[in-house]
Amino acid sequence: MSRPQTRQFEAFMTNLSYARRMVKAGGMLTPFRSPTIDIDDFYRAAWVQAVAAIDHWLHEEVLRRVAELAAKDSPEMPYQLRVYELPLHRVEAVRRGEVTLSEAVVEHLRDKLAAQALQHPGKIAEVLKLVTEKKVWYEAAGCINKEFFQGRTSLTRRRSAAATWRSPSAATRSPTTPTSSTAT
């Protein structure tokens, strides 16, 4: 997968590098075990920085892509963007020529997303429907499986196996036979 060449992605990578530096600083200070500095604060700060970087990038990237798609006025734009509702004052601003349709859509979406954190997978998937019809998490799992597990096993199969695993002693025991933890 190629690296996006956008201002938004570069800002994301810069923010992630700050998080990596915090982790590195925490690692360098760990051997000193200072009673006055809580080393875990570096790791917590790095985590917060990384989550904020993803959140900020998703907001900016979705707005950029919505602007591009709305400017094209193409029947191939994602369904959620085709049916996206604008308040009448924004429609009137477009009609008067004060803003383009693309600008009106982005302004409204920016206002709508301003107080929304894009940190929950469900919320991210909903917002991404404005710019793609793809099932993002399904495809991401496929990429992870291919890249990190070389296709040996899928994440879904591993999760299912873990969920249905029974201990060997459970196989020899009748479902109604009490165990030591349930017997009184």
C-alpha atoms as a PDB file:
ATOM      1  CA  MET A   1       0.000   0.000   0.000  1.00  0.00           C
ATOM      2  CA  SER A   2       1.447   3.349  -0.973  1.00  0.00           C
ATOM      3  CA  ARG A   3       1.874   6.189   1.460  1.00  0.00           C
ATOM      4  CA  PRO A   4      -0.665   9.007   0.956  1.00  0.00           C
ATOM      5  CA  GLN A   5       0.944  12.215  -0.277  1.00  0.00           C
ATOM      6  CA  THR A   6      -1.346  14.679   1.482  1.00  0.00           C
ATOM      7  CA  ARG A   7      -0.796  17.469   3.956  1.00  0.00           C
ATOM      8  CA  GLN A   8      -3.203  15.704   6.325  1.00  0.00           C
ATOM      9  CA  PHE A   9      -1.220  12.476   6.301  1.00  0.00           C
ATOM     10  CA  GLU A  10       2.087  14.272   6.794  1.00  0.00           C
ATOM     11  CA  ALA A  11       0.647  16.031   9.869  1.00  0.00           C
ATOM     12  CA  PHE A  12      -0.522  12.626  11.126  1.00  0.00           C
ATOM     13  CA  MET A  13       2.962  11.157  10.707  1.00  0.00           C
ATOM     14  CA  THR A  14       4.503  14.152  12.507  1.00  0.00           C
ATOM     15  CA  ASN A  15       2.111  13.651  15.439  1.00  0.00           C
ATOM     16  CA  LEU A  16       2.943   9.945  15.566  1.00  0.00           C
ATOM     17  CA  SER A  17       6.649  10.755  15.639  1.00  0.00           C
ATOM     18  CA  TYR A  18       6.012  12.878  18.758  1.00  0.00           C
ATOM     19  CA  ALA A  19       4.350   9.844  20.369  1.00  0.00           C
ATOM     20  CA  ARG A  20       7.276   7.615  19.415  1.00  0.00           C
ATOM     21  CA  ARG A  21       9.710  10.090  20.965  1.00  0.00           C
ATOM     22  CA  MET A  22       7.737  10.013  24.221  1.00  0.00           C
ATOM     23  CA  VAL A  23       7.985   6.211  24.265  1.00  0.00           C
ATOM     24  CA  LYS A  24      11.711   6.430  23.559  1.00  0.00           C
ATOM     25  CA  ALA A  25      12.166   8.988  26.376  1.00  0.00           C
ATOM     26  CA  GLY A  26      10.271   6.710  28.765  1.00  0.00           C
ATOM     27  CA  GLY A  27      12.502   3.805  27.776  1.00  0.00           C
ATOM     28  CA  MET A  28      15.647   5.843  28.315  1.00  0.00           C
ATOM     29  CA  LEU A  29      14.526   6.999  31.772  1.00  0.00           C
ATOM     30  CA  THR A  30      13.291   3.595  32.967  1.00  0.00           C
ATOM     31  CA  PRO A  31      16.708   2.345  34.192  1.00  0.00           C
ATOM     32  CA  PHE A  32      17.021   5.339  36.535  1.00  0.00           C
ATOM     33  CA  ARG A  33      13.807   4.542  38.455  1.00  0.00           C
ATOM     34  CA  SER A  34      13.449   8.102  39.648  1.00  0.00           C
ATOM     35  CA  PRO A  35      11.149   8.548  42.669  1.00  0.00           C
ATOM     36  CA  THR A  36      10.156  12.029  41.437  1.00  0.00           C
ATOM     37  CA  ILE A  37       9.299  11.161  37.823  1.00  0.00           C
ATOM     38  CA  ASP A  38       6.557   8.694  37.002  1.00  0.00           C
ATOM     39  CA  ILE A  39       7.954   7.034  33.877  1.00  0.00           C
ATOM     40  CA  ASP A  40       4.518   5.611  33.063  1.00  0.00           C
ATOM     41  CA  ASP A  41       3.402   9.183  32.379  1.00  0.00           C
ATOM     42  CA  PHE A  42       5.568   9.148  29.250  1.00  0.00           C
ATOM     43  CA  TYR A  43       3.791   6.036  27.985  1.00  0.00           C
ATOM     44  CA  ARG A  44       0.347   7.416  28.846  1.00  0.00           C
ATOM     45  CA  ALA A  45       1.203  10.688  27.087  1.00  0.00           C
ATOM     46  CA  ALA A  46       2.416   8.770  24.032  1.00  0.00           C
ATOM     47  CA  TRP A  47      -0.825   6.801  23.921  1.00  0.00           C
ATOM     48  CA  VAL A  48      -2.927   9.957  24.197  1.00  0.00           C
ATOM     49  CA  GLN A  49      -0.808  11.630  21.499  1.00  0.00           C
ATOM     50  CA  ALA A  50      -1.216   8.674  19.135  1.00  0.00           C
ATOM     51  CA  VAL A  51      -4.994   8.454  19.651  1.00  0.00           C
ATOM     52  CA  ALA A  52      -5.343  12.217  19.163  1.00  0.00           C
ATOM     53  CA  ALA A  53      -3.213  11.981  16.003  1.00  0.00           C
ATOM     54  CA  ILE A  54      -5.508   9.330  14.524  1.00  0.00           C
ATOM     55  CA  ASP A  55      -8.614  11.271  15.538  1.00  0.00           C
ATOM     56  CA  HIS A  56      -7.329  14.522  14.023  1.00  0.00           C
ATOM     57  CA  TRP A  57      -6.151  12.832  10.820  1.00  0.00           C
ATOM     58  CA  LEU A  58      -9.481  11.057  10.314  1.00  0.00           C
ATOM     59  CA  HIS A  59     -11.365  14.350  10.709  1.00  0.00           C
ATOM     60  CA  GLU A  60      -9.104  16.172   8.260  1.00  0.00           C
ATOM     61  CA  GLU A  61      -8.902  13.333   5.740  1.00  0.00           C
ATOM     62  CA  VAL A  62     -12.671  12.812   5.636  1.00  0.00           C
ATOM     63  CA  LEU A  63     -13.216  16.554   5.123  1.00  0.00           C
ATOM     64  CA  ARG A  64     -10.628  16.621   2.321  1.00  0.00           C
ATOM     65  CA  ARG A  65     -12.167  13.649   0.552  1.00  0.00           C
ATOM     66  CA  VAL A  66     -15.724  14.917   0.976  1.00  0.00           C
ATOM     67  CA  ALA A  67     -14.646  18.215  -0.602  1.00  0.00           C
ATOM     68  CA  GLU A  68     -13.154  16.366  -3.581  1.00  0.00           C
ATOM     69  CA  LEU A  69     -16.155  14.079  -4.037  1.00  0.00           C
ATOM     70  CA  ALA A  70     -18.748  16.842  -3.651  1.00  0.00           C
ATOM     71  CA  ALA A  71     -16.891  19.003  -6.191  1.00  0.00           C
ATOM     72  CA  LYS A  72     -17.071  16.218  -8.803  1.00  0.00           C
ATOM     73  CA  ASP A  73     -20.876  15.896  -8.657  1.00  0.00           C
ATOM     74  CA  SER A  74     -20.524  12.298  -9.814  1.00  0.00           C
ATOM     75  CA  PRO A  75     -23.174   9.571  -9.647  1.00  0.00           C
ATOM     76  CA  GLU A  76     -20.399   7.274  -8.359  1.00  0.00           C
ATOM     77  CA  MET A  77     -20.078   9.185  -5.079  1.00  0.00           C
ATOM     78  CA  PRO A  78     -20.825   7.046  -2.010  1.00  0.00           C
ATOM     79  CA  TYR A  79     -24.486   6.669  -1.124  1.00  0.00           C
ATOM     80  CA  GLN A  80     -24.127   8.331   2.294  1.00  0.00           C
ATOM     81  CA  LEU A  81     -22.682  11.441   0.647  1.00  0.00           C
ATOM     82  CA  ARG A  82     -25.344  11.472  -2.094  1.00  0.00           C
ATOM     83  CA  VAL A  83     -28.091  11.552   0.554  1.00  0.00           C
ATOM     84  CA  TYR A  84     -26.248  13.891   2.956  1.00  0.00           C
ATOM     85  CA  GLU A  85     -28.619  16.575   4.196  1.00  0.00           C
ATOM     86  CA  LEU A  86     -27.777  20.273   4.318  1.00  0.00           C
ATOM     87  CA  PRO A  87     -29.656  22.885   6.325  1.00  0.00           C
ATOM     88  CA  LEU A  88     -31.591  25.401   4.278  1.00  0.00           C
ATOM     89  CA  HIS A  89     -29.278  28.315   5.158  1.00  0.00           C
ATOM     90  CA  ARG A  90     -26.373  26.448   3.550  1.00  0.00           C
ATOM     91  CA  VAL A  91     -28.439  25.617   0.448  1.00  0.00           C
ATOM     92  CA  GLU A  92     -29.419  29.284   0.176  1.00  0.00           C
ATOM     93  CA  ALA A  93     -25.768  30.352   0.433  1.00  0.00           C
ATOM     94  CA  VAL A  94     -24.977  28.040  -2.500  1.00  0.00           C
ATOM     95  CA  ARG A  95     -27.944  29.400  -4.482  1.00  0.00           C
ATOM     96  CA  ARG A  96     -26.776  32.994  -3.898  1.00  0.00           C
ATOM     97  CA  GLY A  97     -23.277  32.032  -5.079  1.00  0.00           C
ATOM     98  CA  GLU A  98     -21.614  32.818  -1.745  1.00  0.00           C
ATOM     99  CA  VAL A  99     -20.093  29.325  -1.530  1.00  0.00           C
ATOM    100  CA  THR A 100     -19.802  26.289  -3.752  1.00  0.00           C
ATOM    101  CA  LEU A 101     -21.798  23.166  -2.998  1.00  0.00           C
ATOM    102  CA  SER A 102     -18.587  21.432  -1.993  1.00  0.00           C
ATOM    103  CA  GLU A 103     -17.734  24.233   0.465  1.00  0.00           C
ATOM    104  CA  ALA A 104     -21.246  24.161   1.948  1.00  0.00           C
ATOM    105  CA  VAL A 105     -21.096  20.402   2.472  1.00  0.00           C
ATOM    106  CA  VAL A 106     -17.632  20.589   4.077  1.00  0.00           C
ATOM    107  CA  GLU A 107     -18.614  23.511   6.343  1.00  0.00           C
ATOM    108  CA  HIS A 108     -21.675  21.633   7.556  1.00  0.00           C
ATOM    109  CA  LEU A 109     -19.757  18.394   8.054  1.00  0.00           C
ATOM    110  CA  ARG A 110     -16.969  20.235   9.891  1.00  0.00           C
ATOM    111  CA  ASP A 111     -19.555  21.730  12.270  1.00  0.00           C
ATOM    112  CA  LYS A 112     -21.189  18.343  12.736  1.00  0.00           C
ATOM    113  CA  LEU A 113     -17.887  16.542  13.416  1.00  0.00           C
ATOM    114  CA  ALA A 114     -16.384  19.267  15.612  1.00  0.00           C
ATOM    115  CA  ALA A 115     -17.556  17.708  18.869  1.00  0.00           C
ATOM    116  CA  GLN A 116     -17.401  14.093  17.700  1.00  0.00           C
ATOM    117  CA  ALA A 117     -14.387  11.990  18.608  1.00  0.00           C
ATOM    118  CA  LEU A 118     -13.407   9.526  15.902  1.00  0.00           C
ATOM    119  CA  GLN A 119     -11.950   6.918  18.227  1.00  0.00           C
ATOM    120  CA  HIS A 120     -14.634   4.227  18.282  1.00  0.00           C
ATOM    121  CA  PRO A 121     -14.553   1.788  15.345  1.00  0.00           C
ATOM    122  CA  GLY A 122     -18.307   2.134  14.778  1.00  0.00           C
ATOM    123  CA  LYS A 123     -18.178   5.925  14.634  1.00  0.00           C
ATOM    124  CA  ILE A 124     -15.168   5.798  12.325  1.00  0.00           C
ATOM    125  CA  ALA A 125     -16.948   3.363  10.002  1.00  0.00           C
ATOM    126  CA  GLU A 126     -20.041   5.605   9.906  1.00  0.00           C
ATOM    127  CA  VAL A 127     -18.043   8.707   8.975  1.00  0.00           C
ATOM    128  CA  LEU A 128     -15.991   6.824   6.395  1.00  0.00           C
ATOM    129  CA  LYS A 129     -19.218   5.839   4.618  1.00  0.00           C
ATOM    130  CA  LEU A 130     -19.281   9.429   3.363  1.00  0.00           C
ATOM    131  CA  VAL A 131     -16.146   8.773   1.310  1.00  0.00           C
ATOM    132  CA  THR A 132     -16.207   5.052   0.508  1.00  0.00           C
ATOM    133  CA  GLU A 133     -18.622   2.171   0.043  1.00  0.00           C
ATOM    134  CA  LYS A 134     -15.957  -0.283   1.224  1.00  0.00           C
ATOM    135  CA  LYS A 135     -16.295  -2.175   4.483  1.00  0.00           C
ATOM    136  CA  VAL A 136     -13.223  -0.592   6.032  1.00  0.00           C
ATOM    137  CA  TRP A 137     -12.732  -2.847   9.062  1.00  0.00           C
ATOM    138  CA  TYR A 138     -13.294  -6.025   7.043  1.00  0.00           C
ATOM    139  CA  GLU A 139     -10.680  -4.925   4.503  1.00  0.00           C
ATOM    140  CA  ALA A 140      -8.296  -3.794   7.264  1.00  0.00           C
ATOM    141  CA  ALA A 141      -8.521  -7.246   8.874  1.00  0.00           C
ATOM    142  CA  GLY A 142      -7.726  -8.793   5.493  1.00  0.00           C
ATOM    143  CA  CYS A 143      -4.651  -6.570   5.101  1.00  0.00           C
ATOM    144  CA  ILE A 144      -3.468  -7.346   8.617  1.00  0.00           C
ATOM    145  CA  ASN A 145      -3.945 -11.059   8.013  1.00  0.00           C
ATOM    146  CA  LYS A 146      -2.034 -10.900   4.735  1.00  0.00           C
ATOM    147  CA  GLU A 147       0.816  -8.654   5.929  1.00  0.00           C
ATOM    148  CA  PHE A 148       1.389  -9.845   9.479  1.00  0.00           C
ATOM    149  CA  PHE A 149       0.233 -13.449   9.450  1.00  0.00           C
ATOM    150  CA  GLN A 150       1.164 -14.192   5.813  1.00  0.00           C
ATOM    151  CA  GLY A 151      -2.303 -15.667   5.322  1.00  0.00           C
ATOM    152  CA  ARG A 152      -1.554 -18.628   7.629  1.00  0.00           C
ATOM    153  CA  THR A 153      -4.670 -18.036   9.653  1.00  0.00           C
ATOM    154  CA  SER A 154      -7.322 -15.412   9.605  1.00  0.00           C
ATOM    155  CA  LEU A 155      -8.087 -13.210  12.585  1.00  0.00           C
ATOM    156  CA  THR A 156     -11.710 -14.332  12.397  1.00  0.00           C
ATOM    157  CA  ARG A 157     -10.778 -18.025  12.615  1.00  0.00           C
ATOM    158  CA  ARG A 158      -8.395 -17.371  15.500  1.00  0.00           C
ATOM    159  CA  ARG A 159     -11.033 -15.368  17.379  1.00  0.00           C
ATOM    160  CA  SER A 160     -13.652 -18.078  16.754  1.00  0.00           C
ATOM    161  CA  ALA A 161     -11.279 -20.790  17.903  1.00  0.00           C
ATOM    162  CA  ALA A 162     -10.535 -18.888  21.106  1.00  0.00           C
ATOM    163  CA  ALA A 163     -14.241 -18.341  21.743  1.00  0.00           C
ATOM    164  CA  THR A 164     -15.161 -22.015  21.268  1.00  0.00           C
ATOM    165  CA  TRP A 165     -12.141 -23.568  22.972  1.00  0.00           C
ATOM    166  CA  ARG A 166     -12.919 -25.934  25.819  1.00  0.00           C
ATOM    167  CA  SER A 167     -10.432 -27.300  28.248  1.00  0.00           C
ATOM    168  CA  PRO A 168      -9.588 -31.007  27.903  1.00  0.00           C
ATOM    169  CA  SER A 169     -11.147 -31.720  31.297  1.00  0.00           C
ATOM    170  CA  ALA A 170     -14.403 -30.144  30.140  1.00  0.00           C
ATOM    171  CA  ALA A 171     -14.623 -32.670  27.303  1.00  0.00           C
ATOM    172  CA  THR A 172     -14.602 -35.625  29.727  1.00  0.00           C
ATOM    173  CA  ARG A 173     -17.048 -34.068  32.159  1.00  0.00           C
ATOM    174  CA  SER A 174     -20.815 -34.205  31.773  1.00  0.00           C
ATOM    175  CA  PRO A 175     -22.389 -30.731  31.385  1.00  0.00           C
ATOM    176  CA  THR A 176     -24.440 -31.374  34.522  1.00  0.00           C
ATOM    177  CA  THR A 177     -21.533 -32.664  36.637  1.00  0.00           C
ATOM    178  CA  PRO A 178     -20.596 -29.953  39.145  1.00  0.00           C
ATOM    179  CA  THR A 179     -17.044 -28.653  39.122  1.00  0.00           C
ATOM    180  CA  SER A 180     -15.089 -27.893  42.254  1.00  0.00           C
ATOM    181  CA  SER A 181     -15.929 -24.200  41.898  1.00  0.00           C
ATOM    182  CA  THR A 182     -19.684 -24.875  41.664  1.00  0.00           C
ATOM    183  CA  ALA A 183     -19.983 -27.727  44.179  1.00  0.00           C
ATOM    184  CA  THR A 184     -21.006 -26.784  47.703  1.00  0.00           C
END
